[in-house]
Amino acid sequence: MDLMEISVKRKMGREEAAHLLRKLADSLARHNGVDFTQEGVKVNIRVPDEVEVEFEVEIESDESSIEVEISW
């Protein structure tokens, strides 16, 4: 299969970001996958029972970040 990449970056409030993460977590737990829609194209990504999770925190004086990567 050819590489397909969906990348979206936008500003949102902290509460909206938390809602987005809850929605993703609920989809993984209940539906064994995640749906994404990009430019009118809907993609369903099936996720197996076991995955590898990488969690990274970066703290700097002017900017900090949390990165969560799920792969299989």
PDB file of N, CA and C in Angstrom:
ATOM      1  N   MET A   1       0.842  -1.175   0.000  1.00  0.00           N
ATOM      2  CA  MET A   1       0.000   0.000   0.000  1.00  0.00           C
ATOM      3  C   MET A   1       0.885   1.236   0.000  1.00  0.00           C
ATOM      4  N   ASP A   2       0.522   2.222  -0.790  1.00  0.00           N
ATOM      5  CA  ASP A   2       1.250   3.483  -0.830  1.00  0.00           C
ATOM      6  C   ASP A   2       1.057   4.246   0.468  1.00  0.00           C
ATOM      7  N   LEU A   3       2.016   5.093   0.788  1.00  0.00           N
ATOM      8  CA  LEU A   3       1.947   5.916   1.988  1.00  0.00           C
ATOM      9  C   LEU A   3       0.809   6.916   1.876  1.00  0.00           C
ATOM     10  N   MET A   4       0.001   6.963   2.893  1.00  0.00           N
ATOM     11  CA  MET A   4      -1.040   7.978   2.993  1.00  0.00           C
ATOM     12  C   MET A   4      -0.806   8.700   4.298  1.00  0.00           C
ATOM     13  N   GLU A   5      -0.717  10.000   4.259  1.00  0.00           N
ATOM     14  CA  GLU A   5      -0.453  10.766   5.468  1.00  0.00           C
ATOM     15  C   GLU A   5      -1.474  11.876   5.593  1.00  0.00           C
ATOM     16  N   ILE A   6      -2.073  11.978   6.772  1.00  0.00           N
ATOM     17  CA  ILE A   6      -2.990  13.066   7.084  1.00  0.00           C
ATOM     18  C   ILE A   6      -2.343  13.857   8.200  1.00  0.00           C
ATOM     19  N   SER A   7      -2.112  15.120   7.974  1.00  0.00           N
ATOM     20  CA  SER A   7      -1.475  15.957   8.981  1.00  0.00           C
ATOM     21  C   SER A   7      -2.271  17.244   9.119  1.00  0.00           C
ATOM     22  N   VAL A   8      -2.728  17.520  10.321  1.00  0.00           N
ATOM     23  CA  VAL A   8      -3.514  18.717  10.577  1.00  0.00           C
ATOM     24  C   VAL A   8      -2.954  19.378  11.830  1.00  0.00           C
ATOM     25  N   LYS A   9      -2.730  20.664  11.748  1.00  0.00           N
ATOM     26  CA  LYS A   9      -2.246  21.409  12.899  1.00  0.00           C
ATOM     27  C   LYS A   9      -3.060  22.688  12.994  1.00  0.00           C
ATOM     28  N   ARG A  10      -3.662  22.905  14.168  1.00  0.00           N
ATOM     29  CA  ARG A  10      -4.427  24.134  14.351  1.00  0.00           C
ATOM     30  C   ARG A  10      -4.476  24.500  15.822  1.00  0.00           C
ATOM     31  N   LYS A  11      -4.739  25.750  16.092  1.00  0.00           N
ATOM     32  CA  LYS A  11      -4.868  26.216  17.477  1.00  0.00           C
ATOM     33  C   LYS A  11      -6.278  25.920  17.964  1.00  0.00           C
ATOM     34  N   MET A  12      -6.381  25.529  19.244  1.00  0.00           N
ATOM     35  CA  MET A  12      -7.673  25.304  19.873  1.00  0.00           C
ATOM     36  C   MET A  12      -7.500  25.497  21.369  1.00  0.00           C
ATOM     37  N   GLY A  13      -8.594  25.652  22.049  1.00  0.00           N
ATOM     38  CA  GLY A  13      -8.557  25.795  23.493  1.00  0.00           C
ATOM     39  C   GLY A  13      -8.186  24.474  24.154  1.00  0.00           C
ATOM     40  N   ARG A  14      -7.697  24.561  25.386  1.00  0.00           N
ATOM     41  CA  ARG A  14      -7.293  23.378  26.135  1.00  0.00           C
ATOM     42  C   ARG A  14      -8.447  22.395  26.289  1.00  0.00           C
ATOM     43  N   GLU A  15      -9.648  22.903  26.595  1.00  0.00           N
ATOM     44  CA  GLU A  15     -10.821  22.036  26.753  1.00  0.00           C
ATOM     45  C   GLU A  15     -11.174  21.333  25.439  1.00  0.00           C
ATOM     46  N   GLU A  16     -11.066  22.045  24.329  1.00  0.00           N
ATOM     47  CA  GLU A  16     -11.343  21.442  23.018  1.00  0.00           C
ATOM     48  C   GLU A  16     -10.318  20.361  22.693  1.00  0.00           C
ATOM     49  N   ALA A  17      -9.056  20.597  23.053  1.00  0.00           N
ATOM     50  CA  ALA A  17      -8.013  19.588  22.841  1.00  0.00           C
ATOM     51  C   ALA A  17      -8.303  18.342  23.679  1.00  0.00           C
ATOM     52  N   ALA A  18      -8.748  18.546  24.921  1.00  0.00           N
ATOM     53  CA  ALA A  18      -9.095  17.410  25.785  1.00  0.00           C
ATOM     54  C   ALA A  18     -10.271  16.637  25.195  1.00  0.00           C
ATOM     55  N   HIS A  19     -11.254  17.347  24.647  1.00  0.00           N
ATOM     56  CA  HIS A  19     -12.410  16.688  24.012  1.00  0.00           C
ATOM     57  C   HIS A  19     -11.954  15.846  22.812  1.00  0.00           C
ATOM     58  N   LEU A  20     -11.051  16.381  22.011  1.00  0.00           N
ATOM     59  CA  LEU A  20     -10.517  15.658  20.856  1.00  0.00           C
ATOM     60  C   LEU A  20      -9.817  14.371  21.290  1.00  0.00           C
ATOM     61  N   LEU A  21      -9.020  14.444  22.357  1.00  0.00           N
ATOM     62  CA  LEU A  21      -8.322  13.255  22.859  1.00  0.00           C
ATOM     63  C   LEU A  21      -9.302  12.220  23.416  1.00  0.00           C
ATOM     64  N   ARG A  22     -10.353  12.679  24.129  1.00  0.00           N
ATOM     65  CA  ARG A  22     -11.374  11.747  24.640  1.00  0.00           C
ATOM     66  C   ARG A  22     -12.100  11.054  23.496  1.00  0.00           C
ATOM     67  N   LYS A  23     -12.405  11.805  22.449  1.00  0.00           N
ATOM     68  CA  LYS A  23     -13.088  11.246  21.286  1.00  0.00           C
ATOM     69  C   LYS A  23     -12.224  10.178  20.615  1.00  0.00           C
ATOM     70  N   LEU A  24     -10.936  10.439  20.491  1.00  0.00           N
ATOM     71  CA  LEU A  24     -10.004   9.472  19.916  1.00  0.00           C
ATOM     72  C   LEU A  24      -9.915   8.229  20.797  1.00  0.00           C
ATOM     73  N   ALA A  25      -9.785   8.424  22.103  1.00  0.00           N
ATOM     74  CA  ALA A  25      -9.697   7.298  23.037  1.00  0.00           C
ATOM     75  C   ALA A  25     -10.970   6.454  23.001  1.00  0.00           C
ATOM     76  N   ASP A  26     -12.135   7.095  22.975  1.00  0.00           N
ATOM     77  CA  ASP A  26     -13.404   6.359  22.909  1.00  0.00           C
ATOM     78  C   ASP A  26     -13.504   5.543  21.623  1.00  0.00           C
ATOM     79  N   SER A  27     -13.067   6.123  20.523  1.00  0.00           N
ATOM     80  CA  SER A  27     -13.108   5.418  19.249  1.00  0.00           C
ATOM     81  C   SER A  27     -12.201   4.192  19.272  1.00  0.00           C
ATOM     82  N   LEU A  28     -11.015   4.321  19.830  1.00  0.00           N
ATOM     83  CA  LEU A  28     -10.106   3.181  19.933  1.00  0.00           C
ATOM     84  C   LEU A  28     -10.687   2.086  20.818  1.00  0.00           C
ATOM     85  N   ALA A  29     -11.280   2.468  21.927  1.00  0.00           N
ATOM     86  CA  ALA A  29     -11.796   1.490  22.888  1.00  0.00           C
ATOM     87  C   ALA A  29     -13.062   0.795  22.394  1.00  0.00           C
ATOM     88  N   ARG A  30     -13.954   1.525  21.757  1.00  0.00           N
ATOM     89  CA  ARG A  30     -15.260   0.979  21.390  1.00  0.00           C
ATOM     90  C   ARG A  30     -15.321   0.384  19.991  1.00  0.00           C
ATOM     91  N   HIS A  31     -14.566   0.956  19.077  1.00  0.00           N
ATOM     92  CA  HIS A  31     -14.729   0.586  17.670  1.00  0.00           C
ATOM     93  C   HIS A  31     -13.494  -0.063  17.060  1.00  0.00           C
ATOM     94  N   ASN A  32     -12.466  -0.267  17.854  1.00  0.00           N
ATOM     95  CA  ASN A  32     -11.226  -0.891  17.375  1.00  0.00           C
ATOM     96  C   ASN A  32     -10.622  -0.171  16.178  1.00  0.00           C
ATOM     97  N   GLY A  33     -10.870   1.105  16.085  1.00  0.00           N
ATOM     98  CA  GLY A  33     -10.318   1.870  14.984  1.00  0.00           C
ATOM     99  C   GLY A  33     -10.640   3.342  15.124  1.00  0.00           C
ATOM    100  N   VAL A  34     -10.201   4.102  14.135  1.00  0.00           N
ATOM    101  CA  VAL A  34     -10.394   5.545  14.133  1.00  0.00           C
ATOM    102  C   VAL A  34     -10.810   5.978  12.735  1.00  0.00           C
ATOM    103  N   ASP A  35     -11.772   6.882  12.651  1.00  0.00           N
ATOM    104  CA  ASP A  35     -12.186   7.463  11.374  1.00  0.00           C
ATOM    105  C   ASP A  35     -11.616   8.869  11.250  1.00  0.00           C
ATOM    106  N   PHE A  36     -11.065   9.172  10.090  1.00  0.00           N
ATOM    107  CA  PHE A  36     -10.591  10.511   9.776  1.00  0.00           C
ATOM    108  C   PHE A  36     -11.247  10.956   8.482  1.00  0.00           C
ATOM    109  N   THR A  37     -11.585  12.231   8.398  1.00  0.00           N
ATOM    110  CA  THR A  37     -12.100  12.795   7.160  1.00  0.00           C
ATOM    111  C   THR A  37     -11.194  13.947   6.768  1.00  0.00           C
ATOM    112  N   GLN A  38     -10.674  13.886   5.555  1.00  0.00           N
ATOM    113  CA  GLN A  38      -9.784  14.920   5.050  1.00  0.00           C
ATOM    114  C   GLN A  38     -10.182  15.242   3.620  1.00  0.00           C
ATOM    115  N   GLU A  39     -10.497  16.492   3.377  1.00  0.00           N
ATOM    116  CA  GLU A  39     -10.879  16.952   2.036  1.00  0.00           C
ATOM    117  C   GLU A  39     -11.989  16.094   1.456  1.00  0.00           C
ATOM    118  N   GLY A  40     -12.981  15.771   2.281  1.00  0.00           N
ATOM    119  CA  GLY A  40     -14.144  15.018   1.829  1.00  0.00           C
ATOM    120  C   GLY A  40     -13.942  13.519   1.709  1.00  0.00           C
ATOM    121  N   VAL A  41     -12.757  13.029   1.999  1.00  0.00           N
ATOM    122  CA  VAL A  41     -12.481  11.602   1.918  1.00  0.00           C
ATOM    123  C   VAL A  41     -12.425  11.032   3.335  1.00  0.00           C
ATOM    124  N   LYS A  42     -13.279  10.017   3.605  1.00  0.00           N
ATOM    125  CA  LYS A  42     -13.310   9.392   4.921  1.00  0.00           C
ATOM    126  C   LYS A  42     -12.445   8.138   4.902  1.00  0.00           C
ATOM    127  N   VAL A  43     -11.576   8.021   5.904  1.00  0.00           N
ATOM    128  CA  VAL A  43     -10.665   6.891   6.013  1.00  0.00           C
ATOM    129  C   VAL A  43     -10.878   6.231   7.375  1.00  0.00           C
ATOM    130  N   ASN A  44     -11.064   4.904   7.372  1.00  0.00           N
ATOM    131  CA  ASN A  44     -11.177   4.156   8.619  1.00  0.00           C
ATOM    132  C   ASN A  44      -9.873   3.409   8.838  1.00  0.00           C
ATOM    133  N   ILE A  45      -9.258   3.635   9.991  1.00  0.00           N
ATOM    134  CA  ILE A  45      -8.006   2.979  10.316  1.00  0.00           C
ATOM    135  C   ILE A  45      -8.285   1.935  11.382  1.00  0.00           C
ATOM    136  N   ARG A  46      -8.115   0.676  11.026  1.00  0.00           N
ATOM    137  CA  ARG A  46      -8.319  -0.420  11.971  1.00  0.00           C
ATOM    138  C   ARG A  46      -7.101  -0.518  12.876  1.00  0.00           C
ATOM    139  N   VAL A  47      -7.334  -0.719  14.152  1.00  0.00           N
ATOM    140  CA  VAL A  47      -6.253  -0.784  15.125  1.00  0.00           C
ATOM    141  C   VAL A  47      -6.309  -2.145  15.820  1.00  0.00           C
ATOM    142  N   PRO A  48      -5.203  -2.886  15.830  1.00  0.00           N
ATOM    143  CA  PRO A  48      -5.197  -4.213  16.464  1.00  0.00           C
ATOM    144  C   PRO A  48      -5.298  -4.115  17.987  1.00  0.00           C
ATOM    145  N   ASP A  49      -5.462  -5.261  18.623  1.00  0.00           N
ATOM    146  CA  ASP A  49      -5.601  -5.312  20.080  1.00  0.00           C
ATOM    147  C   ASP A  49      -4.353  -4.836  20.818  1.00  0.00           C
ATOM    148  N   GLU A  50      -3.173  -5.071  20.257  1.00  0.00           N
ATOM    149  CA  GLU A  50      -1.932  -4.628  20.892  1.00  0.00           C
ATOM    150  C   GLU A  50      -1.242  -3.588  20.023  1.00  0.00           C
ATOM    151  N   VAL A  51      -0.831  -2.499  20.653  1.00  0.00           N
ATOM    152  CA  VAL A  51      -0.138  -1.416  19.962  1.00  0.00           C
ATOM    153  C   VAL A  51       1.072  -0.995  20.781  1.00  0.00           C
ATOM    154  N   GLU A  52       1.940  -0.236  20.165  1.00  0.00           N
ATOM    155  CA  GLU A  52       3.082   0.339  20.867  1.00  0.00           C
ATOM    156  C   GLU A  52       2.790   1.823  21.067  1.00  0.00           C
ATOM    157  N   VAL A  53       2.964   2.306  22.295  1.00  0.00           N
ATOM    158  CA  VAL A  53       2.674   3.703  22.609  1.00  0.00           C
ATOM    159  C   VAL A  53       3.959   4.385  23.050  1.00  0.00           C
ATOM    160  N   GLU A  54       4.237   5.523  22.434  1.00  0.00           N
ATOM    161  CA  GLU A  54       5.400   6.330  22.807  1.00  0.00           C
ATOM    162  C   GLU A  54       4.873   7.657  23.345  1.00  0.00           C
ATOM    163  N   PHE A  55       5.341   8.039  24.511  1.00  0.00           N
ATOM    164  CA  PHE A  55       4.900   9.254  25.178  1.00  0.00           C
ATOM    165  C   PHE A  55       6.124  10.123  25.415  1.00  0.00           C
ATOM    166  N   GLU A  56       6.098  11.357  24.948  1.00  0.00           N
ATOM    167  CA  GLU A  56       7.254  12.233  25.060  1.00  0.00           C
ATOM    168  C   GLU A  56       6.815  13.599  25.592  1.00  0.00           C
ATOM    169  N   VAL A  57       7.527  14.104  26.560  1.00  0.00           N
ATOM    170  CA  VAL A  57       7.275  15.428  27.118  1.00  0.00           C
ATOM    171  C   VAL A  57       8.527  16.265  26.939  1.00  0.00           C
ATOM    172  N   GLU A  58       8.369  17.454  26.399  1.00  0.00           N
ATOM    173  CA  GLU A  58       9.483  18.386  26.249  1.00  0.00           C
ATOM    174  C   GLU A  58       9.113  19.675  26.980  1.00  0.00           C
ATOM    175  N   ILE A  59       9.976  20.116  27.885  1.00  0.00           N
ATOM    176  CA  ILE A  59       9.734  21.343  28.634  1.00  0.00           C
ATOM    177  C   ILE A  59      10.888  22.299  28.372  1.00  0.00           C
ATOM    178  N   GLU A  60      10.543  23.446  27.816  1.00  0.00           N
ATOM    179  CA  GLU A  60      11.524  24.489  27.547  1.00  0.00           C
ATOM    180  C   GLU A  60      11.057  25.767  28.234  1.00  0.00           C
ATOM    181  N   SER A  61      11.902  26.768  28.277  1.00  0.00           N
ATOM    182  CA  SER A  61      11.539  28.002  28.963  1.00  0.00           C
ATOM    183  C   SER A  61      10.404  28.756  28.267  1.00  0.00           C
ATOM    184  N   ASP A  62      10.331  28.678  26.941  1.00  0.00           N
ATOM    185  CA  ASP A  62       9.307  29.441  26.230  1.00  0.00           C
ATOM    186  C   ASP A  62       8.214  28.577  25.590  1.00  0.00           C
ATOM    187  N   GLU A  63       8.404  27.266  25.533  1.00  0.00           N
ATOM    188  CA  GLU A  63       7.422  26.396  24.881  1.00  0.00           C
ATOM    189  C   GLU A  63       7.578  24.971  25.393  1.00  0.00           C
ATOM    190  N   SER A  64       6.453  24.302  25.585  1.00  0.00           N
ATOM    191  CA  SER A  64       6.481  22.908  26.025  1.00  0.00           C
ATOM    192  C   SER A  64       5.565  22.093  25.128  1.00  0.00           C
ATOM    193  N   SER A  65       5.740  20.769  25.130  1.00  0.00           N
ATOM    194  CA  SER A  65       4.886  19.931  24.297  1.00  0.00           C
ATOM    195  C   SER A  65       4.748  18.535  24.895  1.00  0.00           C
ATOM    196  N   ILE A  66       3.641  17.900  24.540  1.00  0.00           N
ATOM    197  CA  ILE A  66       3.391  16.502  24.860  1.00  0.00           C
ATOM    198  C   ILE A  66       3.093  15.816  23.543  1.00  0.00           C
ATOM    199  N   GLU A  67       3.810  14.746  23.258  1.00  0.00           N
ATOM    200  CA  GLU A  67       3.579  13.989  22.037  1.00  0.00           C
ATOM    201  C   GLU A  67       3.204  12.564  22.403  1.00  0.00           C
ATOM    202  N   VAL A  68       2.142  12.065  21.765  1.00  0.00           N
ATOM    203  CA  VAL A  68       1.710  10.678  21.965  1.00  0.00           C
ATOM    204  C   VAL A  68       1.682  10.029  20.591  1.00  0.00           C
ATOM    205  N   GLU A  69       2.403   8.934  20.445  1.00  0.00           N
ATOM    206  CA  GLU A  69       2.434   8.215  19.171  1.00  0.00           C
ATOM    207  C   GLU A  69       1.979   6.779  19.415  1.00  0.00           C
ATOM    208  N   ILE A  70       1.011   6.330  18.616  1.00  0.00           N
ATOM    209  CA  ILE A  70       0.514   4.959  18.698  1.00  0.00           C
ATOM    210  C   ILE A  70       0.849   4.287  17.376  1.00  0.00           C
ATOM    211  N   SER A  71       1.542   3.156  17.447  1.00  0.00           N
ATOM    212  CA  SER A  71       1.917   2.466  16.210  1.00  0.00           C
ATOM    213  C   SER A  71       1.734   0.963  16.385  1.00  0.00           C
ATOM    214  N   TRP A  72       1.693   0.259  15.249  1.00  0.00           N
ATOM    215  CA  TRP A  72       1.563  -1.194  15.262  1.00  0.00           C
ATOM    216  C   TRP A  72       2.147  -1.762  14.001  1.00  0.00           C
TER     217      TRP A  72
END
